[in-house]
Amino acid sequence: MSTSVQEQRLRRRFELWDQNGDGVIDSSDWESETQRILASFQQTEGSPKGQALTTAYRGMWSYVAEQAGVGRDGSVSIDQFKDVAAKQMLDRGQAGFDQVLRPTVSAIADLCDTDGDGQVSPSEFRSWIRAIGSDESTADAAFQQIDTDGDGQLSVDELIDAVHRYHTGELEFSLL
């Protein structure tokens, strides 16, 4: 069972994914978010990085829809979403986050990684924060908290861990 912080954060995530505001999420909501993120990085869906992000988001949607029992063309209510998130990610800990979110986090990290070193630098991270529509003034503080090995770069593992820590109430910065 999730805590009230987890519930609030899942509700916020649901509301962000509900791009058209109809009270349910469906594939069109996820496609809209994908397009918004691609546009913020000036990438097209047909570019290699655009294809990776699109594939990752579609895969995440398919997983959520399947677990909710609605199929790819169905829609998911807030209660169904919270149930899937609790059972498939929160209750399973880091393993659940790795399975469900790693492809998406990896694809966004790749969009940010303009120097091709496989890591996200502080300036690249600010691009991530802008792309997801968060307050860019929080980027430096978030980066410091997420950079758990202190090397001045963020790895995909650190980013996945940060998403997990956000949803468990240990971190105040949302990355998705």
N, C-alpha and C. Protein backbone atom coordinates (compact mmCIF):
# COMPACT_ATOMS: atom_id res chain seq x y z
N MET A 1 0.85 -1.18 0.00
CA MET A 1 0.00 0.00 0.00
C MET A 1 0.89 1.24 0.00
N SER A 2 0.51 2.25 -0.72
CA SER A 2 1.33 3.43 -0.82
C SER A 2 1.02 4.42 0.29
N THR A 3 1.97 5.25 0.62
CA THR A 3 1.80 6.29 1.62
C THR A 3 1.07 7.47 0.99
N SER A 4 0.71 8.45 1.82
CA SER A 4 0.02 9.61 1.27
C SER A 4 0.93 10.40 0.32
N VAL A 5 2.24 10.46 0.60
CA VAL A 5 3.17 11.13 -0.32
C VAL A 5 3.19 10.40 -1.66
N GLN A 6 3.27 9.08 -1.61
CA GLN A 6 3.26 8.31 -2.85
C GLN A 6 1.95 8.54 -3.60
N GLU A 7 0.85 8.54 -2.89
CA GLU A 7 -0.46 8.77 -3.54
C GLU A 7 -0.49 10.14 -4.21
N GLN A 8 -0.02 11.17 -3.50
CA GLN A 8 -0.01 12.52 -4.07
C GLN A 8 0.85 12.57 -5.33
N ARG A 9 1.98 11.92 -5.27
CA ARG A 9 2.90 11.97 -6.42
C ARG A 9 2.38 11.16 -7.59
N LEU A 10 1.72 10.06 -7.31
CA LEU A 10 1.11 9.29 -8.40
C LEU A 10 -0.04 10.08 -9.01
N ARG A 11 -0.82 10.74 -8.19
CA ARG A 11 -1.92 11.57 -8.70
C ARG A 11 -1.36 12.69 -9.58
N ARG A 12 -0.30 13.33 -9.12
CA ARG A 12 0.32 14.40 -9.92
C ARG A 12 0.83 13.85 -11.25
N ARG A 13 1.48 12.68 -11.22
CA ARG A 13 1.98 12.07 -12.46
C ARG A 13 0.83 11.76 -13.39
N PHE A 14 -0.25 11.21 -12.85
CA PHE A 14 -1.43 10.90 -13.65
C PHE A 14 -1.96 12.17 -14.32
N GLU A 15 -2.09 13.24 -13.53
CA GLU A 15 -2.61 14.49 -14.06
C GLU A 15 -1.71 15.05 -15.16
N LEU A 16 -0.41 14.90 -15.01
CA LEU A 16 0.51 15.36 -16.06
C LEU A 16 0.36 14.53 -17.33
N TRP A 17 0.16 13.22 -17.16
CA TRP A 17 -0.02 12.38 -18.34
C TRP A 17 -1.38 12.58 -18.99
N ASP A 18 -2.37 13.00 -18.22
CA ASP A 18 -3.71 13.23 -18.77
C ASP A 18 -3.69 14.54 -19.55
N GLN A 19 -3.02 14.51 -20.68
CA GLN A 19 -2.77 15.71 -21.48
C GLN A 19 -4.04 16.43 -21.91
N ASN A 20 -5.11 15.68 -22.18
CA ASN A 20 -6.34 16.31 -22.64
C ASN A 20 -7.33 16.58 -21.52
N GLY A 21 -6.97 16.23 -20.28
CA GLY A 21 -7.78 16.57 -19.12
C GLY A 21 -9.11 15.86 -19.01
N ASP A 22 -9.25 14.69 -19.63
CA ASP A 22 -10.54 13.99 -19.59
C ASP A 22 -10.70 13.04 -18.41
N GLY A 23 -9.72 13.01 -17.50
CA GLY A 23 -9.84 12.18 -16.30
C GLY A 23 -9.38 10.75 -16.46
N VAL A 24 -8.91 10.40 -17.64
CA VAL A 24 -8.32 9.08 -17.89
C VAL A 24 -7.07 9.28 -18.73
N ILE A 25 -6.19 8.29 -18.68
CA ILE A 25 -5.04 8.34 -19.58
C ILE A 25 -5.18 7.24 -20.62
N ASP A 26 -4.75 7.58 -21.81
CA ASP A 26 -4.79 6.61 -22.90
C ASP A 26 -3.56 6.86 -23.78
N SER A 27 -3.45 6.10 -24.82
CA SER A 27 -2.25 6.19 -25.66
C SER A 27 -2.06 7.59 -26.24
N SER A 28 -3.15 8.30 -26.51
CA SER A 28 -3.00 9.64 -27.10
C SER A 28 -2.35 10.61 -26.10
N ASP A 29 -2.63 10.43 -24.82
CA ASP A 29 -1.99 11.28 -23.81
C ASP A 29 -0.49 11.04 -23.79
N TRP A 30 -0.09 9.79 -23.88
CA TRP A 30 1.33 9.45 -23.85
C TRP A 30 2.02 9.90 -25.13
N GLU A 31 1.31 9.80 -26.24
CA GLU A 31 1.87 10.28 -27.51
C GLU A 31 2.07 11.79 -27.45
N SER A 32 1.13 12.51 -26.83
CA SER A 32 1.27 13.96 -26.71
C SER A 32 2.49 14.33 -25.88
N GLU A 33 2.71 13.62 -24.77
CA GLU A 33 3.89 13.90 -23.95
C GLU A 33 5.17 13.61 -24.73
N THR A 34 5.16 12.52 -25.45
CA THR A 34 6.34 12.17 -26.26
C THR A 34 6.64 13.29 -27.25
N GLN A 35 5.63 13.78 -27.93
CA GLN A 35 5.82 14.85 -28.92
C GLN A 35 6.31 16.14 -28.26
N ARG A 36 5.79 16.45 -27.07
CA ARG A 36 6.21 17.65 -26.35
C ARG A 36 7.70 17.56 -25.98
N ILE A 37 8.12 16.40 -25.49
CA ILE A 37 9.52 16.22 -25.11
C ILE A 37 10.42 16.27 -26.34
N LEU A 38 10.01 15.60 -27.41
CA LEU A 38 10.81 15.64 -28.64
C LEU A 38 10.96 17.08 -29.15
N ALA A 39 9.87 17.83 -29.13
CA ALA A 39 9.92 19.21 -29.60
C ALA A 39 10.87 20.04 -28.74
N SER A 40 10.88 19.80 -27.44
CA SER A 40 11.75 20.59 -26.57
C SER A 40 13.22 20.31 -26.84
N PHE A 41 13.53 19.13 -27.38
CA PHE A 41 14.91 18.80 -27.75
C PHE A 41 15.15 18.97 -29.25
N GLN A 42 14.18 19.53 -29.93
CA GLN A 42 14.26 19.76 -31.37
C GLN A 42 14.60 18.48 -32.11
N GLN A 43 13.92 17.41 -31.72
CA GLN A 43 14.08 16.10 -32.37
C GLN A 43 12.76 15.73 -33.02
N THR A 44 12.84 14.96 -34.07
CA THR A 44 11.63 14.44 -34.71
C THR A 44 11.44 12.99 -34.29
N GLU A 45 10.24 12.52 -34.45
CA GLU A 45 9.94 11.13 -34.12
C GLU A 45 10.76 10.17 -34.99
N GLY A 46 11.14 10.61 -36.17
CA GLY A 46 11.89 9.76 -37.08
C GLY A 46 13.39 9.71 -36.85
N SER A 47 13.90 10.62 -36.03
CA SER A 47 15.34 10.60 -35.73
C SER A 47 15.64 9.39 -34.84
N PRO A 48 16.88 8.93 -34.80
CA PRO A 48 17.20 7.78 -33.94
C PRO A 48 16.83 8.02 -32.47
N LYS A 49 17.13 9.20 -31.95
CA LYS A 49 16.78 9.50 -30.55
C LYS A 49 15.27 9.64 -30.40
N GLY A 50 14.63 10.19 -31.41
CA GLY A 50 13.17 10.31 -31.39
C GLY A 50 12.49 8.95 -31.43
N GLN A 51 13.03 8.06 -32.25
CA GLN A 51 12.48 6.70 -32.31
C GLN A 51 12.64 5.99 -30.97
N ALA A 52 13.79 6.17 -30.31
CA ALA A 52 14.03 5.53 -29.02
C ALA A 52 13.05 6.03 -27.97
N LEU A 53 12.82 7.35 -27.94
CA LEU A 53 11.87 7.89 -26.96
C LEU A 53 10.46 7.42 -27.26
N THR A 54 10.07 7.46 -28.52
CA THR A 54 8.73 7.03 -28.91
C THR A 54 8.51 5.55 -28.56
N THR A 55 9.48 4.73 -28.86
CA THR A 55 9.39 3.30 -28.53
C THR A 55 9.28 3.10 -27.02
N ALA A 56 10.08 3.84 -26.28
CA ALA A 56 10.06 3.70 -24.82
C ALA A 56 8.71 4.12 -24.24
N TYR A 57 8.19 5.25 -24.67
CA TYR A 57 6.90 5.71 -24.16
C TYR A 57 5.77 4.75 -24.56
N ARG A 58 5.80 4.30 -25.80
CA ARG A 58 4.76 3.34 -26.23
C ARG A 58 4.86 2.05 -25.43
N GLY A 59 6.08 1.60 -25.16
CA GLY A 59 6.27 0.39 -24.36
C GLY A 59 5.77 0.57 -22.94
N MET A 60 6.04 1.73 -22.37
CA MET A 60 5.57 1.99 -21.01
C MET A 60 4.04 2.04 -20.99
N TRP A 61 3.43 2.69 -21.99
CA TRP A 61 1.97 2.73 -22.06
C TRP A 61 1.42 1.32 -22.21
N SER A 62 1.98 0.53 -23.09
CA SER A 62 1.49 -0.84 -23.30
C SER A 62 1.55 -1.64 -22.01
N TYR A 63 2.63 -1.47 -21.27
CA TYR A 63 2.78 -2.19 -20.00
C TYR A 63 1.70 -1.76 -19.00
N VAL A 64 1.51 -0.45 -18.84
CA VAL A 64 0.49 0.05 -17.91
C VAL A 64 -0.90 -0.43 -18.34
N ALA A 65 -1.20 -0.30 -19.62
CA ALA A 65 -2.52 -0.70 -20.12
C ALA A 65 -2.75 -2.20 -19.92
N GLU A 66 -1.73 -3.00 -20.21
CA GLU A 66 -1.85 -4.45 -20.03
C GLU A 66 -2.07 -4.80 -18.56
N GLN A 67 -1.28 -4.19 -17.68
CA GLN A 67 -1.42 -4.48 -16.25
C GLN A 67 -2.76 -4.01 -15.70
N ALA A 68 -3.32 -2.95 -16.28
CA ALA A 68 -4.63 -2.45 -15.87
C ALA A 68 -5.76 -3.26 -16.49
N GLY A 69 -5.42 -4.09 -17.47
CA GLY A 69 -6.42 -4.94 -18.11
C GLY A 69 -7.28 -4.23 -19.13
N VAL A 70 -6.77 -3.13 -19.72
CA VAL A 70 -7.59 -2.38 -20.67
C VAL A 70 -7.11 -2.51 -22.11
N GLY A 71 -5.94 -3.05 -22.33
CA GLY A 71 -5.40 -3.15 -23.70
C GLY A 71 -4.89 -1.82 -24.18
N ARG A 72 -4.07 -1.87 -25.23
CA ARG A 72 -3.43 -0.66 -25.76
C ARG A 72 -4.39 0.43 -26.18
N ASP A 73 -5.58 0.05 -26.62
CA ASP A 73 -6.55 1.05 -27.10
C ASP A 73 -7.52 1.50 -26.03
N GLY A 74 -7.35 1.00 -24.80
CA GLY A 74 -8.24 1.36 -23.71
C GLY A 74 -7.78 2.62 -23.00
N SER A 75 -8.45 2.90 -21.90
CA SER A 75 -8.06 4.04 -21.07
C SER A 75 -7.97 3.58 -19.62
N VAL A 76 -7.16 4.29 -18.86
CA VAL A 76 -6.86 3.93 -17.48
C VAL A 76 -7.31 5.06 -16.56
N SER A 77 -8.10 4.72 -15.55
CA SER A 77 -8.55 5.69 -14.56
C SER A 77 -7.44 5.94 -13.54
N ILE A 78 -7.63 6.95 -12.72
CA ILE A 78 -6.65 7.24 -11.68
C ILE A 78 -6.49 6.06 -10.73
N ASP A 79 -7.60 5.42 -10.36
CA ASP A 79 -7.51 4.28 -9.44
C ASP A 79 -6.76 3.10 -10.07
N GLN A 80 -7.03 2.85 -11.34
CA GLN A 80 -6.30 1.78 -12.04
C GLN A 80 -4.81 2.12 -12.12
N PHE A 81 -4.51 3.37 -12.43
CA PHE A 81 -3.12 3.79 -12.52
C PHE A 81 -2.40 3.63 -11.18
N LYS A 82 -3.03 4.09 -10.11
CA LYS A 82 -2.41 3.96 -8.78
C LYS A 82 -2.20 2.50 -8.43
N ASP A 83 -3.15 1.65 -8.78
CA ASP A 83 -3.03 0.22 -8.49
C ASP A 83 -1.85 -0.40 -9.26
N VAL A 84 -1.76 -0.10 -10.55
CA VAL A 84 -0.66 -0.62 -11.36
C VAL A 84 0.67 -0.10 -10.84
N ALA A 85 0.74 1.20 -10.59
CA ALA A 85 2.00 1.78 -10.11
C ALA A 85 2.41 1.17 -8.77
N ALA A 86 1.45 0.97 -7.88
CA ALA A 86 1.77 0.38 -6.58
C ALA A 86 2.27 -1.05 -6.74
N LYS A 87 1.56 -1.85 -7.50
CA LYS A 87 1.92 -3.26 -7.63
C LYS A 87 3.16 -3.48 -8.48
N GLN A 88 3.31 -2.73 -9.56
CA GLN A 88 4.39 -3.00 -10.51
C GLN A 88 5.66 -2.20 -10.26
N MET A 89 5.56 -1.11 -9.51
CA MET A 89 6.77 -0.32 -9.26
C MET A 89 7.03 -0.14 -7.76
N LEU A 90 6.12 0.49 -7.06
CA LEU A 90 6.37 0.81 -5.66
C LEU A 90 6.58 -0.43 -4.81
N ASP A 91 5.71 -1.42 -4.93
CA ASP A 91 5.83 -2.63 -4.12
C ASP A 91 7.04 -3.46 -4.51
N ARG A 92 7.47 -3.36 -5.75
CA ARG A 92 8.62 -4.14 -6.23
C ARG A 92 9.94 -3.40 -6.07
N GLY A 93 9.88 -2.17 -5.59
CA GLY A 93 11.11 -1.41 -5.34
C GLY A 93 11.87 -1.10 -6.60
N GLN A 94 13.17 -1.05 -6.46
CA GLN A 94 14.03 -0.66 -7.57
C GLN A 94 13.86 -1.56 -8.79
N ALA A 95 13.61 -2.85 -8.57
CA ALA A 95 13.42 -3.77 -9.70
C ALA A 95 12.22 -3.37 -10.55
N GLY A 96 11.14 -2.93 -9.91
CA GLY A 96 9.96 -2.49 -10.65
C GLY A 96 10.23 -1.23 -11.46
N PHE A 97 10.93 -0.28 -10.84
CA PHE A 97 11.28 0.95 -11.55
C PHE A 97 12.19 0.64 -12.73
N ASP A 98 13.15 -0.26 -12.50
CA ASP A 98 14.06 -0.64 -13.59
C ASP A 98 13.28 -1.23 -14.77
N GLN A 99 12.37 -2.14 -14.48
CA GLN A 99 11.63 -2.80 -15.56
C GLN A 99 10.71 -1.83 -16.30
N VAL A 100 9.98 -1.03 -15.57
CA VAL A 100 8.95 -0.19 -16.19
C VAL A 100 9.51 1.11 -16.74
N LEU A 101 10.45 1.73 -16.04
CA LEU A 101 10.87 3.08 -16.41
C LEU A 101 12.24 3.19 -17.07
N ARG A 102 13.09 2.20 -16.94
CA ARG A 102 14.45 2.32 -17.47
C ARG A 102 14.48 2.70 -18.95
N PRO A 103 13.69 2.09 -19.83
CA PRO A 103 13.78 2.49 -21.25
C PRO A 103 13.44 3.96 -21.48
N THR A 104 12.46 4.48 -20.75
CA THR A 104 12.08 5.88 -20.92
C THR A 104 13.14 6.81 -20.36
N VAL A 105 13.61 6.52 -19.16
CA VAL A 105 14.66 7.35 -18.56
C VAL A 105 15.91 7.31 -19.44
N SER A 106 16.26 6.14 -19.94
CA SER A 106 17.43 6.02 -20.82
C SER A 106 17.26 6.85 -22.09
N ALA A 107 16.06 6.82 -22.66
CA ALA A 107 15.81 7.57 -23.89
C ALA A 107 15.88 9.07 -23.65
N ILE A 108 15.34 9.54 -22.53
CA ILE A 108 15.42 10.97 -22.22
C ILE A 108 16.87 11.36 -21.94
N ALA A 109 17.59 10.52 -21.21
CA ALA A 109 19.01 10.79 -20.94
C ALA A 109 19.78 10.89 -22.25
N ASP A 110 19.46 10.02 -23.21
CA ASP A 110 20.14 10.06 -24.50
C ASP A 110 19.82 11.36 -25.25
N LEU A 111 18.58 11.84 -25.13
CA LEU A 111 18.24 13.12 -25.74
C LEU A 111 19.07 14.25 -25.14
N CYS A 112 19.27 14.20 -23.83
CA CYS A 112 20.03 15.24 -23.12
C CYS A 112 21.52 15.18 -23.42
N ASP A 113 22.02 14.00 -23.64
CA ASP A 113 23.46 13.74 -23.75
C ASP A 113 24.00 14.26 -25.08
N THR A 114 24.20 15.57 -25.13
CA THR A 114 24.63 16.18 -26.39
C THR A 114 26.09 15.92 -26.72
N ASP A 115 26.91 15.59 -25.71
CA ASP A 115 28.32 15.32 -25.99
C ASP A 115 28.61 13.83 -26.20
N GLY A 116 27.58 12.98 -26.07
CA GLY A 116 27.72 11.57 -26.38
C GLY A 116 28.57 10.76 -25.41
N ASP A 117 28.74 11.24 -24.17
CA ASP A 117 29.58 10.51 -23.22
C ASP A 117 28.81 9.49 -22.38
N GLY A 118 27.50 9.34 -22.63
CA GLY A 118 26.71 8.37 -21.89
C GLY A 118 26.30 8.84 -20.50
N GLN A 119 26.58 10.08 -20.18
CA GLN A 119 26.25 10.68 -18.89
C GLN A 119 25.49 11.98 -19.13
N VAL A 120 24.82 12.46 -18.09
CA VAL A 120 24.10 13.72 -18.18
C VAL A 120 24.84 14.74 -17.30
N SER A 121 25.35 15.79 -17.93
CA SER A 121 26.08 16.85 -17.23
C SER A 121 25.07 17.83 -16.61
N PRO A 122 25.54 18.75 -15.78
CA PRO A 122 24.61 19.73 -15.21
C PRO A 122 23.87 20.55 -16.28
N SER A 123 24.55 20.99 -17.32
CA SER A 123 23.85 21.77 -18.36
C SER A 123 22.88 20.89 -19.14
N GLU A 124 23.25 19.65 -19.40
CA GLU A 124 22.34 18.73 -20.08
C GLU A 124 21.12 18.43 -19.20
N PHE A 125 21.35 18.35 -17.89
CA PHE A 125 20.25 18.10 -16.96
C PHE A 125 19.27 19.26 -16.95
N ARG A 126 19.76 20.49 -17.07
CA ARG A 126 18.85 21.64 -17.14
C ARG A 126 17.93 21.51 -18.36
N SER A 127 18.45 20.95 -19.45
CA SER A 127 17.60 20.71 -20.63
C SER A 127 16.51 19.70 -20.30
N TRP A 128 16.85 18.67 -19.52
CA TRP A 128 15.86 17.67 -19.09
C TRP A 128 14.75 18.35 -18.31
N ILE A 129 15.14 19.18 -17.34
CA ILE A 129 14.17 19.85 -16.48
C ILE A 129 13.24 20.73 -17.32
N ARG A 130 13.80 21.46 -18.28
CA ARG A 130 12.97 22.28 -19.18
C ARG A 130 12.02 21.40 -19.98
N ALA A 131 12.53 20.27 -20.48
CA ALA A 131 11.73 19.40 -21.35
C ALA A 131 10.51 18.82 -20.63
N ILE A 132 10.65 18.54 -19.35
CA ILE A 132 9.51 17.95 -18.63
C ILE A 132 8.59 19.03 -18.04
N GLY A 133 8.95 20.30 -18.25
CA GLY A 133 8.09 21.39 -17.81
C GLY A 133 8.26 21.76 -16.34
N SER A 134 9.37 21.35 -15.74
CA SER A 134 9.61 21.70 -14.34
C SER A 134 10.34 23.03 -14.25
N ASP A 135 10.39 23.56 -13.04
CA ASP A 135 11.04 24.83 -12.76
C ASP A 135 12.55 24.66 -12.88
N GLU A 136 13.14 25.32 -13.87
CA GLU A 136 14.57 25.18 -14.14
C GLU A 136 15.43 25.68 -12.98
N SER A 137 14.87 26.53 -12.13
CA SER A 137 15.66 27.04 -10.99
C SER A 137 15.97 25.93 -9.98
N THR A 138 15.28 24.81 -10.07
CA THR A 138 15.53 23.69 -9.15
C THR A 138 16.57 22.72 -9.69
N ALA A 139 17.01 22.92 -10.92
CA ALA A 139 17.87 21.94 -11.59
C ALA A 139 19.19 21.70 -10.86
N ASP A 140 19.85 22.76 -10.44
CA ASP A 140 21.17 22.57 -9.81
C ASP A 140 21.05 21.84 -8.48
N ALA A 141 20.07 22.20 -7.67
CA ALA A 141 19.88 21.52 -6.38
C ALA A 141 19.49 20.06 -6.62
N ALA A 142 18.62 19.83 -7.59
CA ALA A 142 18.22 18.45 -7.91
C ALA A 142 19.43 17.65 -8.37
N PHE A 143 20.23 18.23 -9.24
CA PHE A 143 21.41 17.53 -9.76
C PHE A 143 22.30 17.07 -8.61
N GLN A 144 22.55 17.97 -7.67
CA GLN A 144 23.43 17.64 -6.54
C GLN A 144 22.88 16.46 -5.73
N GLN A 145 21.57 16.43 -5.54
CA GLN A 145 20.97 15.34 -4.77
C GLN A 145 20.93 14.03 -5.55
N ILE A 146 20.84 14.11 -6.85
CA ILE A 146 20.75 12.91 -7.69
C ILE A 146 22.13 12.31 -7.94
N ASP A 147 23.15 13.16 -7.98
CA ASP A 147 24.53 12.71 -8.25
C ASP A 147 25.11 12.04 -7.00
N THR A 148 24.65 10.84 -6.74
CA THR A 148 25.00 10.15 -5.49
C THR A 148 26.45 9.71 -5.42
N ASP A 149 27.10 9.54 -6.57
CA ASP A 149 28.52 9.17 -6.51
C ASP A 149 29.45 10.38 -6.58
N GLY A 150 28.87 11.58 -6.71
CA GLY A 150 29.64 12.80 -6.65
C GLY A 150 30.61 13.04 -7.79
N ASP A 151 30.37 12.40 -8.95
CA ASP A 151 31.32 12.57 -10.06
C ASP A 151 30.98 13.73 -10.99
N GLY A 152 29.93 14.49 -10.68
CA GLY A 152 29.58 15.63 -11.51
C GLY A 152 28.82 15.28 -12.77
N GLN A 153 28.41 14.02 -12.89
CA GLN A 153 27.63 13.53 -14.03
C GLN A 153 26.51 12.64 -13.48
N LEU A 154 25.44 12.51 -14.23
CA LEU A 154 24.36 11.61 -13.83
C LEU A 154 24.31 10.43 -14.78
N SER A 155 24.33 9.24 -14.20
CA SER A 155 24.18 8.02 -14.99
C SER A 155 22.70 7.65 -15.05
N VAL A 156 22.36 6.76 -15.95
CA VAL A 156 20.98 6.28 -16.03
C VAL A 156 20.59 5.63 -14.70
N ASP A 157 21.51 4.89 -14.08
CA ASP A 157 21.20 4.27 -12.79
C ASP A 157 20.85 5.33 -11.74
N GLU A 158 21.61 6.42 -11.70
CA GLU A 158 21.30 7.48 -10.73
C GLU A 158 19.95 8.12 -11.05
N LEU A 159 19.64 8.27 -12.33
CA LEU A 159 18.36 8.87 -12.71
C LEU A 159 17.19 7.96 -12.37
N ILE A 160 17.33 6.66 -12.61
CA ILE A 160 16.27 5.70 -12.23
C ILE A 160 16.09 5.72 -10.72
N ASP A 161 17.20 5.70 -10.00
CA ASP A 161 17.14 5.75 -8.54
C ASP A 161 16.44 7.02 -8.08
N ALA A 162 16.68 8.14 -8.75
CA ALA A 162 16.04 9.41 -8.39
C ALA A 162 14.52 9.34 -8.59
N VAL A 163 14.08 8.73 -9.68
CA VAL A 163 12.63 8.58 -9.90
C VAL A 163 12.03 7.72 -8.79
N HIS A 164 12.72 6.66 -8.43
CA HIS A 164 12.27 5.79 -7.34
C HIS A 164 12.22 6.58 -6.03
N ARG A 165 13.29 7.31 -5.72
CA ARG A 165 13.34 8.08 -4.47
C ARG A 165 12.28 9.16 -4.44
N TYR A 166 11.96 9.76 -5.58
CA TYR A 166 10.89 10.76 -5.63
C TYR A 166 9.57 10.13 -5.23
N HIS A 167 9.27 8.99 -5.79
CA HIS A 167 7.98 8.36 -5.52
C HIS A 167 7.88 7.73 -4.14
N THR A 168 9.00 7.51 -3.49
CA THR A 168 8.95 7.00 -2.12
C THR A 168 9.05 8.14 -1.11
N GLY A 169 9.11 9.38 -1.59
CA GLY A 169 9.13 10.54 -0.71
C GLY A 169 10.51 10.94 -0.23
N GLU A 170 11.56 10.33 -0.76
CA GLU A 170 12.93 10.63 -0.31
C GLU A 170 13.56 11.79 -1.08
N LEU A 171 12.98 12.19 -2.19
CA LEU A 171 13.53 13.23 -3.04
C LEU A 171 12.38 14.13 -3.48
N GLU A 172 12.63 15.40 -3.55
CA GLU A 172 11.55 16.36 -3.86
C GLU A 172 11.46 16.71 -5.34
N PHE A 173 12.35 16.18 -6.18
CA PHE A 173 12.39 16.60 -7.57
C PHE A 173 11.87 15.49 -8.48
N SER A 174 10.87 15.82 -9.28
CA SER A 174 10.30 14.87 -10.23
C SER A 174 11.05 14.95 -11.55
N LEU A 175 11.37 13.78 -12.12
CA LEU A 175 12.08 13.75 -13.39
C LEU A 175 11.21 13.30 -14.55
N LEU A 176 10.01 12.85 -14.26
CA LEU A 176 9.09 12.43 -15.33
C LEU A 176 7.75 13.10 -15.09
